[in-house]
Amino acid sequence: MTVSDSELIDLLKGNKTQRNNALEAIYRSNRDRVCGFVISNKGTETEATDLFQTVMVTLYENVKKGTVKEDSAISNFLFSLAKFKWLKELGSDPEMTDSQEEAIRTGIDPQLIGEPEFPMNEDQRDQAREVMSLLGFDCKYILIESIYHNTPMNDMATEGNFMNEQIVQNKKYMCLKKLRDLMIARPELLKNNKTNE
């Protein structure tokens, strides 16, 4: 029986048996991907296992704090956090900022969070975060990967645990439509950003 990520998150909040079952299921379905990334990027089996244990603990702590959203994709959360931590360990990434930590908790790849291309005041940042949070995790992932990183659809399908690239392509179309509708509903954000260009 397949258990959805939102059900696993609920189980992590449950009794000891439920937590253990959820952790075991998450461990089995994500260990190879995370450890494989570390090993293929100059890591040893021990380093990979240690890092995976660390991100599992971080996931559990964030679920207990209530900072992991129900619609978050656990595999993307674990992989993004592991990738960030491993690249930092290798010395190829800067210190994690508060916004990057927030990004991990909300399911966005922390490497995507940085300074905006145009200056934004705090109200505009809050509005942008609000609009992005309304898109949901899958849309944030697909739009950021396709627009900012030019990630091929087949790579997004694999990394994002989608069945195939056609599903990603269809979802991207729906996400862009959803983003457009949100921007129409929130014209003040678009207007404020244009005045800063």
N, C-alpha and C. Protein backbone atom coordinates (compact mmCIF):
# COMPACT_ATOMS: atom_id res chain seq x y z
N MET A 1 0.84 -1.19 0.00
CA MET A 1 0.00 0.00 0.00
C MET A 1 0.88 1.24 0.00
N THR A 2 0.60 2.16 -0.91
CA THR A 2 1.36 3.40 -1.00
C THR A 2 0.74 4.44 -0.09
N VAL A 3 1.58 5.11 0.67
CA VAL A 3 1.14 6.15 1.59
C VAL A 3 1.60 7.49 1.02
N SER A 4 0.71 8.46 0.96
CA SER A 4 1.06 9.77 0.41
C SER A 4 1.97 10.53 1.38
N ASP A 5 2.63 11.55 0.88
CA ASP A 5 3.50 12.36 1.72
C ASP A 5 2.72 13.05 2.84
N SER A 6 1.53 13.54 2.54
CA SER A 6 0.75 14.20 3.59
C SER A 6 0.36 13.19 4.68
N GLU A 7 0.08 11.95 4.29
CA GLU A 7 -0.22 10.91 5.29
C GLU A 7 1.02 10.58 6.12
N LEU A 8 2.19 10.54 5.46
CA LEU A 8 3.43 10.28 6.20
C LEU A 8 3.70 11.41 7.20
N ILE A 9 3.46 12.65 6.78
CA ILE A 9 3.66 13.78 7.69
C ILE A 9 2.72 13.66 8.89
N ASP A 10 1.46 13.27 8.64
CA ASP A 10 0.52 13.05 9.74
C ASP A 10 1.00 11.94 10.67
N LEU A 11 1.52 10.85 10.08
CA LEU A 11 2.02 9.72 10.89
C LEU A 11 3.22 10.14 11.75
N LEU A 12 4.05 11.03 11.22
CA LEU A 12 5.20 11.51 12.00
C LEU A 12 4.75 12.29 13.23
N LYS A 13 3.53 12.79 13.21
CA LYS A 13 2.98 13.53 14.36
C LYS A 13 2.24 12.59 15.31
N GLY A 14 2.12 11.31 14.94
CA GLY A 14 1.33 10.35 15.71
C GLY A 14 2.09 9.70 16.85
N ASN A 15 1.62 8.51 17.25
CA ASN A 15 2.24 7.78 18.36
C ASN A 15 3.56 7.16 17.90
N LYS A 16 4.25 6.53 18.83
CA LYS A 16 5.58 5.99 18.55
C LYS A 16 5.58 4.99 17.38
N THR A 17 4.62 4.09 17.36
CA THR A 17 4.54 3.09 16.29
C THR A 17 4.32 3.76 14.94
N GLN A 18 3.40 4.74 14.91
CA GLN A 18 3.14 5.46 13.66
C GLN A 18 4.39 6.20 13.19
N ARG A 19 5.06 6.87 14.12
CA ARG A 19 6.29 7.61 13.77
C ARG A 19 7.34 6.66 13.21
N ASN A 20 7.55 5.55 13.89
CA ASN A 20 8.56 4.59 13.44
C ASN A 20 8.23 4.03 12.05
N ASN A 21 6.96 3.71 11.82
CA ASN A 21 6.55 3.21 10.51
C ASN A 21 6.77 4.25 9.42
N ALA A 22 6.42 5.50 9.73
CA ALA A 22 6.59 6.58 8.76
C ALA A 22 8.08 6.81 8.48
N LEU A 23 8.88 6.85 9.53
CA LEU A 23 10.33 7.06 9.34
C LEU A 23 10.95 5.93 8.53
N GLU A 24 10.52 4.71 8.78
CA GLU A 24 11.05 3.57 8.03
C GLU A 24 10.67 3.67 6.55
N ALA A 25 9.42 4.05 6.28
CA ALA A 25 8.98 4.19 4.88
C ALA A 25 9.73 5.32 4.18
N ILE A 26 9.91 6.43 4.85
CA ILE A 26 10.64 7.56 4.27
C ILE A 26 12.09 7.18 4.04
N TYR A 27 12.68 6.49 5.01
CA TYR A 27 14.07 6.06 4.91
C TYR A 27 14.27 5.15 3.69
N ARG A 28 13.41 4.14 3.56
CA ARG A 28 13.54 3.18 2.46
C ARG A 28 13.38 3.84 1.09
N SER A 29 12.45 4.77 0.99
CA SER A 29 12.18 5.35 -0.33
C SER A 29 13.11 6.50 -0.71
N ASN A 30 13.91 7.00 0.22
CA ASN A 30 14.75 8.16 -0.09
C ASN A 30 16.25 7.96 0.10
N ARG A 31 16.65 6.92 0.82
CA ARG A 31 18.06 6.72 1.14
C ARG A 31 18.93 6.62 -0.10
N ASP A 32 18.54 5.79 -1.05
CA ASP A 32 19.39 5.56 -2.23
C ASP A 32 19.62 6.84 -3.03
N ARG A 33 18.59 7.63 -3.19
CA ARG A 33 18.72 8.87 -3.97
C ARG A 33 19.68 9.85 -3.30
N VAL A 34 19.48 10.08 -2.00
CA VAL A 34 20.33 11.03 -1.27
C VAL A 34 21.75 10.51 -1.18
N CYS A 35 21.91 9.27 -0.78
CA CYS A 35 23.26 8.71 -0.64
C CYS A 35 23.96 8.64 -2.00
N GLY A 36 23.20 8.32 -3.03
CA GLY A 36 23.78 8.28 -4.38
C GLY A 36 24.31 9.64 -4.80
N PHE A 37 23.60 10.69 -4.45
CA PHE A 37 24.05 12.05 -4.78
C PHE A 37 25.38 12.35 -4.09
N VAL A 38 25.46 12.03 -2.80
CA VAL A 38 26.69 12.31 -2.04
C VAL A 38 27.86 11.50 -2.60
N ILE A 39 27.65 10.22 -2.83
CA ILE A 39 28.72 9.36 -3.33
C ILE A 39 29.17 9.80 -4.73
N SER A 40 28.23 10.21 -5.56
CA SER A 40 28.61 10.65 -6.91
C SER A 40 29.25 12.04 -6.91
N ASN A 41 29.27 12.69 -5.76
CA ASN A 41 29.89 14.01 -5.63
C ASN A 41 30.98 13.98 -4.56
N LYS A 42 31.91 13.03 -4.73
CA LYS A 42 33.13 12.93 -3.92
C LYS A 42 32.91 12.50 -2.47
N GLY A 43 31.78 11.88 -2.17
CA GLY A 43 31.52 11.45 -0.81
C GLY A 43 31.74 9.96 -0.64
N THR A 44 31.93 9.55 0.61
CA THR A 44 32.06 8.13 0.93
C THR A 44 30.70 7.59 1.37
N GLU A 45 30.60 6.29 1.46
CA GLU A 45 29.36 5.66 1.93
C GLU A 45 29.04 6.14 3.35
N THR A 46 30.06 6.24 4.20
CA THR A 46 29.85 6.69 5.58
C THR A 46 29.36 8.13 5.61
N GLU A 47 29.98 9.00 4.81
CA GLU A 47 29.55 10.41 4.76
C GLU A 47 28.11 10.50 4.25
N ALA A 48 27.79 9.70 3.25
CA ALA A 48 26.44 9.71 2.68
C ALA A 48 25.42 9.27 3.73
N THR A 49 25.72 8.20 4.44
CA THR A 49 24.81 7.70 5.47
C THR A 49 24.64 8.72 6.59
N ASP A 50 25.76 9.31 7.03
CA ASP A 50 25.69 10.33 8.09
C ASP A 50 24.84 11.51 7.66
N LEU A 51 25.03 11.97 6.43
CA LEU A 51 24.26 13.11 5.95
C LEU A 51 22.79 12.75 5.85
N PHE A 52 22.50 11.55 5.36
CA PHE A 52 21.10 11.15 5.26
C PHE A 52 20.44 11.10 6.64
N GLN A 53 21.16 10.58 7.62
CA GLN A 53 20.62 10.56 8.99
C GLN A 53 20.33 11.98 9.47
N THR A 54 21.24 12.90 9.16
CA THR A 54 21.08 14.29 9.59
C THR A 54 19.83 14.92 8.97
N VAL A 55 19.63 14.70 7.66
CA VAL A 55 18.46 15.31 7.03
C VAL A 55 17.16 14.64 7.47
N MET A 56 17.22 13.36 7.81
CA MET A 56 16.03 12.69 8.36
C MET A 56 15.65 13.30 9.71
N VAL A 57 16.65 13.56 10.55
CA VAL A 57 16.40 14.20 11.85
C VAL A 57 15.83 15.60 11.63
N THR A 58 16.39 16.34 10.68
CA THR A 58 15.91 17.68 10.39
C THR A 58 14.45 17.65 9.92
N LEU A 59 14.13 16.69 9.05
CA LEU A 59 12.74 16.55 8.61
C LEU A 59 11.82 16.32 9.81
N TYR A 60 12.20 15.36 10.65
CA TYR A 60 11.37 15.03 11.81
C TYR A 60 11.19 16.24 12.73
N GLU A 61 12.28 16.96 13.00
CA GLU A 61 12.19 18.14 13.87
C GLU A 61 11.30 19.21 13.26
N ASN A 62 11.39 19.41 11.96
CA ASN A 62 10.55 20.41 11.30
C ASN A 62 9.08 20.00 11.28
N VAL A 63 8.81 18.71 11.16
CA VAL A 63 7.43 18.24 11.24
C VAL A 63 6.89 18.50 12.65
N LYS A 64 7.68 18.19 13.66
CA LYS A 64 7.26 18.42 15.05
C LYS A 64 6.98 19.90 15.30
N LYS A 65 7.80 20.79 14.71
CA LYS A 65 7.61 22.24 14.88
C LYS A 65 6.43 22.75 14.06
N GLY A 66 5.97 21.95 13.11
CA GLY A 66 4.87 22.38 12.26
C GLY A 66 5.30 23.24 11.09
N THR A 67 6.60 23.21 10.76
CA THR A 67 7.09 24.07 9.67
C THR A 67 7.11 23.36 8.32
N VAL A 68 6.82 22.06 8.29
CA VAL A 68 6.71 21.35 7.02
C VAL A 68 5.25 21.34 6.64
N LYS A 69 4.94 21.88 5.47
CA LYS A 69 3.55 21.95 5.03
C LYS A 69 3.05 20.59 4.58
N GLU A 70 1.75 20.39 4.74
CA GLU A 70 1.13 19.10 4.39
C GLU A 70 1.35 18.73 2.92
N ASP A 71 1.44 19.74 2.04
CA ASP A 71 1.58 19.44 0.62
C ASP A 71 3.05 19.35 0.18
N SER A 72 3.97 19.38 1.14
CA SER A 72 5.38 19.28 0.80
C SER A 72 5.72 17.87 0.32
N ALA A 73 6.58 17.80 -0.67
CA ALA A 73 7.05 16.51 -1.16
C ALA A 73 8.27 16.13 -0.32
N ILE A 74 8.14 15.09 0.45
CA ILE A 74 9.19 14.69 1.38
C ILE A 74 10.50 14.40 0.65
N SER A 75 10.42 13.71 -0.48
CA SER A 75 11.65 13.37 -1.21
C SER A 75 12.38 14.62 -1.66
N ASN A 76 11.65 15.63 -2.12
CA ASN A 76 12.29 16.88 -2.54
C ASN A 76 12.86 17.64 -1.35
N PHE A 77 12.14 17.62 -0.23
CA PHE A 77 12.63 18.25 0.99
C PHE A 77 13.97 17.64 1.39
N LEU A 78 14.01 16.31 1.48
CA LEU A 78 15.23 15.62 1.90
C LEU A 78 16.37 15.84 0.91
N PHE A 79 16.07 15.72 -0.38
CA PHE A 79 17.12 15.85 -1.39
C PHE A 79 17.66 17.29 -1.43
N SER A 80 16.77 18.28 -1.38
CA SER A 80 17.22 19.68 -1.41
C SER A 80 18.10 19.99 -0.21
N LEU A 81 17.67 19.56 0.96
CA LEU A 81 18.45 19.82 2.17
C LEU A 81 19.79 19.09 2.11
N ALA A 82 19.78 17.83 1.70
CA ALA A 82 21.02 17.06 1.61
C ALA A 82 21.97 17.68 0.59
N LYS A 83 21.43 18.08 -0.55
CA LYS A 83 22.25 18.70 -1.60
C LYS A 83 22.89 19.98 -1.09
N PHE A 84 22.10 20.80 -0.44
CA PHE A 84 22.63 22.06 0.10
C PHE A 84 23.72 21.77 1.14
N LYS A 85 23.44 20.88 2.08
CA LYS A 85 24.42 20.57 3.14
C LYS A 85 25.70 19.96 2.55
N TRP A 86 25.55 19.07 1.57
CA TRP A 86 26.73 18.43 1.00
C TRP A 86 27.58 19.43 0.22
N LEU A 87 26.94 20.26 -0.58
CA LEU A 87 27.70 21.26 -1.33
C LEU A 87 28.38 22.25 -0.39
N LYS A 88 27.72 22.55 0.71
CA LYS A 88 28.33 23.41 1.72
C LYS A 88 29.55 22.71 2.34
N GLU A 89 29.39 21.42 2.60
CA GLU A 89 30.49 20.62 3.15
C GLU A 89 31.69 20.61 2.20
N LEU A 90 31.42 20.54 0.92
CA LEU A 90 32.49 20.55 -0.08
C LEU A 90 33.09 21.94 -0.27
N GLY A 91 32.44 22.94 0.32
CA GLY A 91 32.95 24.30 0.20
C GLY A 91 32.53 25.01 -1.06
N SER A 92 31.52 24.47 -1.74
CA SER A 92 31.10 25.12 -2.98
C SER A 92 29.80 25.90 -2.83
N ASP A 93 29.36 26.10 -1.59
CA ASP A 93 28.16 26.90 -1.35
C ASP A 93 28.39 27.81 -0.16
N PRO A 94 27.80 29.00 -0.16
CA PRO A 94 27.94 29.92 0.96
C PRO A 94 27.10 29.48 2.16
N GLU A 95 27.20 30.24 3.23
CA GLU A 95 26.39 29.98 4.41
C GLU A 95 24.90 30.06 4.07
N MET A 96 24.10 29.28 4.76
CA MET A 96 22.66 29.30 4.53
C MET A 96 22.06 30.53 5.18
N THR A 97 21.29 31.28 4.41
CA THR A 97 20.62 32.46 4.94
C THR A 97 19.31 32.07 5.59
N ASP A 98 18.70 33.01 6.33
CA ASP A 98 17.41 32.73 6.93
C ASP A 98 16.37 32.38 5.88
N SER A 99 16.41 33.09 4.75
CA SER A 99 15.42 32.81 3.71
C SER A 99 15.64 31.43 3.09
N GLN A 100 16.89 30.96 3.04
CA GLN A 100 17.15 29.63 2.52
C GLN A 100 16.66 28.57 3.50
N GLU A 101 16.83 28.80 4.80
CA GLU A 101 16.30 27.87 5.80
C GLU A 101 14.78 27.80 5.69
N GLU A 102 14.15 28.98 5.50
CA GLU A 102 12.70 29.02 5.33
C GLU A 102 12.30 28.27 4.06
N ALA A 103 13.10 28.39 3.01
CA ALA A 103 12.81 27.72 1.74
C ALA A 103 12.80 26.21 1.92
N ILE A 104 13.74 25.68 2.67
CA ILE A 104 13.78 24.24 2.90
C ILE A 104 12.53 23.80 3.65
N ARG A 105 12.14 24.56 4.66
CA ARG A 105 10.95 24.19 5.43
C ARG A 105 9.70 24.22 4.56
N THR A 106 9.66 25.11 3.56
CA THR A 106 8.48 25.20 2.72
C THR A 106 8.62 24.41 1.43
N GLY A 107 9.76 23.74 1.26
CA GLY A 107 9.90 22.83 0.14
C GLY A 107 10.52 23.40 -1.11
N ILE A 108 11.25 24.50 -1.01
CA ILE A 108 11.93 25.08 -2.18
C ILE A 108 13.42 24.77 -2.05
N ASP A 109 14.07 24.51 -3.17
CA ASP A 109 15.51 24.29 -3.17
C ASP A 109 16.19 25.54 -2.63
N PRO A 110 16.97 25.45 -1.53
CA PRO A 110 17.56 26.63 -0.92
C PRO A 110 18.55 27.36 -1.81
N GLN A 111 19.10 26.68 -2.81
CA GLN A 111 20.04 27.35 -3.70
C GLN A 111 19.33 28.36 -4.59
N LEU A 112 18.02 28.26 -4.67
CA LEU A 112 17.28 29.17 -5.53
C LEU A 112 16.99 30.49 -4.84
N ILE A 113 17.20 30.53 -3.53
CA ILE A 113 16.88 31.73 -2.78
C ILE A 113 18.11 32.59 -2.68
N GLY A 114 18.04 33.76 -3.14
CA GLY A 114 19.15 34.70 -3.10
C GLY A 114 18.61 36.10 -3.22
N GLU A 115 19.46 37.01 -3.58
CA GLU A 115 19.02 38.38 -3.75
C GLU A 115 18.20 38.50 -5.02
N PRO A 116 17.08 39.24 -4.98
CA PRO A 116 16.29 39.42 -6.18
C PRO A 116 17.05 40.26 -7.19
N GLU A 117 16.63 40.14 -8.46
CA GLU A 117 17.30 40.90 -9.50
C GLU A 117 16.97 42.37 -9.44
N PHE A 118 15.93 42.74 -8.72
CA PHE A 118 15.59 44.14 -8.56
C PHE A 118 15.33 44.37 -7.08
N PRO A 119 15.56 45.60 -6.59
CA PRO A 119 15.35 45.84 -5.16
C PRO A 119 13.88 45.70 -4.78
N MET A 120 13.66 45.07 -3.64
CA MET A 120 12.30 44.91 -3.13
C MET A 120 12.28 45.34 -1.68
N ASN A 121 11.22 46.05 -1.30
CA ASN A 121 11.09 46.37 0.12
C ASN A 121 10.46 45.17 0.82
N GLU A 122 10.37 45.22 2.13
CA GLU A 122 9.89 44.07 2.91
C GLU A 122 8.45 43.71 2.57
N ASP A 123 7.60 44.71 2.32
CA ASP A 123 6.21 44.43 1.95
C ASP A 123 6.14 43.65 0.64
N GLN A 124 6.96 44.06 -0.33
CA GLN A 124 6.96 43.37 -1.62
C GLN A 124 7.48 41.94 -1.48
N ARG A 125 8.49 41.75 -0.63
CA ARG A 125 8.99 40.38 -0.39
C ARG A 125 7.89 39.52 0.23
N ASP A 126 7.17 40.10 1.20
CA ASP A 126 6.08 39.36 1.83
C ASP A 126 5.01 38.99 0.82
N GLN A 127 4.69 39.93 -0.08
CA GLN A 127 3.69 39.66 -1.10
C GLN A 127 4.16 38.57 -2.05
N ALA A 128 5.43 38.63 -2.45
CA ALA A 128 5.97 37.60 -3.35
C ALA A 128 5.95 36.23 -2.68
N ARG A 129 6.35 36.18 -1.40
CA ARG A 129 6.32 34.91 -0.67
C ARG A 129 4.89 34.38 -0.57
N GLU A 130 3.95 35.29 -0.35
CA GLU A 130 2.56 34.88 -0.24
C GLU A 130 2.07 34.29 -1.56
N VAL A 131 2.38 34.97 -2.67
CA VAL A 131 1.97 34.46 -3.98
C VAL A 131 2.60 33.09 -4.23
N MET A 132 3.89 32.94 -3.94
CA MET A 132 4.56 31.65 -4.15
C MET A 132 3.97 30.57 -3.25
N SER A 133 3.62 30.93 -2.02
CA SER A 133 3.07 29.93 -1.12
C SER A 133 1.70 29.45 -1.60
N LEU A 134 0.98 30.30 -2.32
CA LEU A 134 -0.33 29.91 -2.83
C LEU A 134 -0.23 28.95 -4.01
N LEU A 135 0.93 28.88 -4.64
CA LEU A 135 1.11 28.01 -5.80
C LEU A 135 1.18 26.54 -5.42
N GLY A 136 1.66 26.24 -4.22
CA GLY A 136 1.86 24.85 -3.83
C GLY A 136 3.26 24.39 -4.20
N PHE A 137 3.72 23.33 -3.55
CA PHE A 137 5.11 22.90 -3.71
C PHE A 137 5.45 22.50 -5.14
N ASP A 138 4.62 21.67 -5.75
CA ASP A 138 4.95 21.19 -7.09
C ASP A 138 5.10 22.34 -8.09
N CYS A 139 4.20 23.30 -8.02
CA CYS A 139 4.29 24.45 -8.93
C CYS A 139 5.54 25.26 -8.66
N LYS A 140 5.85 25.50 -7.40
CA LYS A 140 7.07 26.26 -7.08
C LYS A 140 8.28 25.53 -7.65
N TYR A 141 8.33 24.23 -7.43
CA TYR A 141 9.46 23.43 -7.90
C TYR A 141 9.59 23.49 -9.42
N ILE A 142 8.49 23.23 -10.12
CA ILE A 142 8.52 23.19 -11.58
C ILE A 142 8.87 24.55 -12.17
N LEU A 143 8.25 25.60 -11.67
CA LEU A 143 8.51 26.94 -12.24
C LEU A 143 9.93 27.40 -11.97
N ILE A 144 10.42 27.18 -10.78
CA ILE A 144 11.78 27.62 -10.44
C ILE A 144 12.80 26.83 -11.27
N GLU A 145 12.62 25.51 -11.33
CA GLU A 145 13.56 24.69 -12.09
C GLU A 145 13.54 25.03 -13.58
N SER A 146 12.36 25.20 -14.14
CA SER A 146 12.27 25.43 -15.59
C SER A 146 12.66 26.84 -15.97
N ILE A 147 12.28 27.84 -15.18
CA ILE A 147 12.53 29.23 -15.53
C ILE A 147 13.93 29.67 -15.15
N TYR A 148 14.35 29.40 -13.93
CA TYR A 148 15.64 29.91 -13.46
C TYR A 148 16.82 29.00 -13.78
N HIS A 149 16.56 27.70 -13.89
CA HIS A 149 17.67 26.76 -14.10
C HIS A 149 17.63 26.09 -15.47
N ASN A 150 16.58 26.32 -16.23
CA ASN A 150 16.42 25.68 -17.53
C ASN A 150 16.60 24.16 -17.44
N THR A 151 16.11 23.59 -16.37
CA THR A 151 16.20 22.14 -16.16
C THR A 151 15.31 21.43 -17.17
N PRO A 152 15.84 20.43 -17.86
CA PRO A 152 15.02 19.69 -18.83
C PRO A 152 13.84 18.99 -18.14
N MET A 153 12.75 18.86 -18.87
CA MET A 153 11.53 18.25 -18.32
C MET A 153 11.78 16.84 -17.80
N ASN A 154 12.59 16.05 -18.53
CA ASN A 154 12.83 14.67 -18.08
C ASN A 154 13.61 14.65 -16.76
N ASP A 155 14.53 15.61 -16.55
CA ASP A 155 15.24 15.70 -15.27
C ASP A 155 14.28 16.08 -14.14
N MET A 156 13.39 17.03 -14.43
CA MET A 156 12.40 17.42 -13.42
C MET A 156 11.48 16.27 -13.08
N ALA A 157 11.13 15.48 -14.08
CA ALA A 157 10.26 14.32 -13.84
C ALA A 157 10.94 13.34 -12.89
N THR A 158 12.23 13.09 -13.12
CA THR A 158 12.98 12.16 -12.29
C THR A 158 13.19 12.71 -10.89
N GLU A 159 13.73 13.93 -10.81
CA GLU A 159 14.04 14.53 -9.50
C GLU A 159 12.80 14.86 -8.70
N GLY A 160 11.73 15.23 -9.39
CA GLY A 160 10.50 15.61 -8.70
C GLY A 160 9.53 14.48 -8.48
N ASN A 161 9.94 13.26 -8.84
CA ASN A 161 9.09 12.07 -8.66
C ASN A 161 7.77 12.16 -9.42
N PHE A 162 7.83 12.71 -10.65
CA PHE A 162 6.66 12.71 -11.52
C PHE A 162 6.79 11.48 -12.44
N MET A 163 5.69 10.97 -12.94
CA MET A 163 5.73 9.74 -13.72
C MET A 163 6.49 9.89 -15.03
N ASN A 164 6.34 11.05 -15.69
CA ASN A 164 7.06 11.27 -16.94
C ASN A 164 7.11 12.76 -17.26
N GLU A 165 7.86 13.11 -18.31
CA GLU A 165 8.03 14.52 -18.62
C GLU A 165 6.76 15.17 -19.16
N GLN A 166 5.85 14.39 -19.75
CA GLN A 166 4.58 14.95 -20.23
C GLN A 166 3.76 15.48 -19.05
N ILE A 167 3.80 14.76 -17.94
CA ILE A 167 3.08 15.21 -16.74
C ILE A 167 3.69 16.52 -16.26
N VAL A 168 5.03 16.62 -16.27
CA VAL A 168 5.69 17.86 -15.85
C VAL A 168 5.29 19.00 -16.78
N GLN A 169 5.28 18.73 -18.07
CA GLN A 169 4.94 19.76 -19.05
C GLN A 169 3.49 20.24 -18.85
N ASN A 170 2.57 19.32 -18.65
CA ASN A 170 1.18 19.68 -18.39
C ASN A 170 1.05 20.47 -17.10
N LYS A 171 1.77 20.01 -16.08
CA LYS A 171 1.71 20.68 -14.78
C LYS A 171 2.30 22.09 -14.89
N LYS A 172 3.38 22.24 -15.66
CA LYS A 172 3.98 23.57 -15.85
C LYS A 172 2.98 24.53 -16.47
N TYR A 173 2.26 24.05 -17.47
CA TYR A 173 1.24 24.88 -18.11
C TYR A 173 0.19 25.32 -17.08
N MET A 174 -0.29 24.37 -16.28
CA MET A 174 -1.30 24.68 -15.27
C MET A 174 -0.74 25.63 -14.21
N CYS A 175 0.53 25.44 -13.86
CA CYS A 175 1.16 26.30 -12.86
C CYS A 175 1.31 27.72 -13.38
N LEU A 176 1.70 27.87 -14.63
CA LEU A 176 1.83 29.20 -15.22
C LEU A 176 0.47 29.89 -15.27
N LYS A 177 -0.55 29.12 -15.59
CA LYS A 177 -1.91 29.67 -15.60
C LYS A 177 -2.31 30.10 -14.18
N LYS A 178 -1.99 29.27 -13.21
CA LYS A 178 -2.30 29.60 -11.81
C LYS A 178 -1.54 30.84 -11.37
N LEU A 179 -0.27 30.94 -11.74
CA LEU A 179 0.54 32.11 -11.40
C LEU A 179 -0.04 33.37 -12.06
N ARG A 180 -0.39 33.26 -13.33
CA ARG A 180 -0.99 34.39 -14.04
C ARG A 180 -2.27 34.84 -13.34
N ASP A 181 -3.12 33.88 -12.97
CA ASP A 181 -4.37 34.22 -12.29
C ASP A 181 -4.10 34.89 -10.94
N LEU A 182 -3.07 34.40 -10.23
CA LEU A 182 -2.72 35.02 -8.96
C LEU A 182 -2.22 36.45 -9.16
N MET A 183 -1.42 36.65 -10.21
CA MET A 183 -0.90 37.99 -10.47
C MET A 183 -2.02 38.95 -10.89
N ILE A 184 -3.01 38.42 -11.59
CA ILE A 184 -4.17 39.25 -11.95
C ILE A 184 -4.95 39.61 -10.69
N ALA A 185 -5.06 38.64 -9.79
CA ALA A 185 -5.77 38.89 -8.53
C ALA A 185 -4.97 39.79 -7.59
N ARG A 186 -3.64 39.84 -7.76
CA ARG A 186 -2.77 40.64 -6.90
C ARG A 186 -1.96 41.64 -7.74
N PRO A 187 -2.63 42.53 -8.47
CA PRO A 187 -1.91 43.44 -9.37
C PRO A 187 -0.96 44.38 -8.65
N GLU A 188 -1.20 44.61 -7.37
CA GLU A 188 -0.31 45.52 -6.63
C GLU A 188 1.12 44.98 -6.57
N LEU A 189 1.29 43.68 -6.54
CA LEU A 189 2.64 43.12 -6.52
C LEU A 189 3.37 43.39 -7.85
N LEU A 190 2.69 43.15 -8.93
CA LEU A 190 3.26 43.40 -10.24
C LEU A 190 3.55 44.89 -10.42
N LYS A 191 2.63 45.72 -10.01
CA LYS A 191 2.79 47.17 -10.13
C LYS A 191 3.98 47.65 -9.29
N ASN A 192 4.06 47.19 -8.04
CA ASN A 192 5.18 47.59 -7.17
C ASN A 192 6.51 47.17 -7.74
N ASN A 193 6.59 45.97 -8.30
CA ASN A 193 7.85 45.49 -8.85
C ASN A 193 8.25 46.29 -10.08
N LYS A 194 7.30 46.68 -10.91
CA LYS A 194 7.62 47.46 -12.10
C LYS A 194 8.19 48.82 -11.74
N THR A 195 7.73 49.40 -10.62
CA THR A 195 8.24 50.72 -10.24
C THR A 195 9.67 50.66 -9.76
N ASN A 196 10.16 49.44 -9.41
CA ASN A 196 11.53 49.32 -8.92
C ASN A 196 12.52 49.00 -10.02
N GLU A 197 12.05 48.78 -11.24
CA GLU A 197 12.97 48.38 -12.31
C GLU A 197 13.77 49.57 -12.81
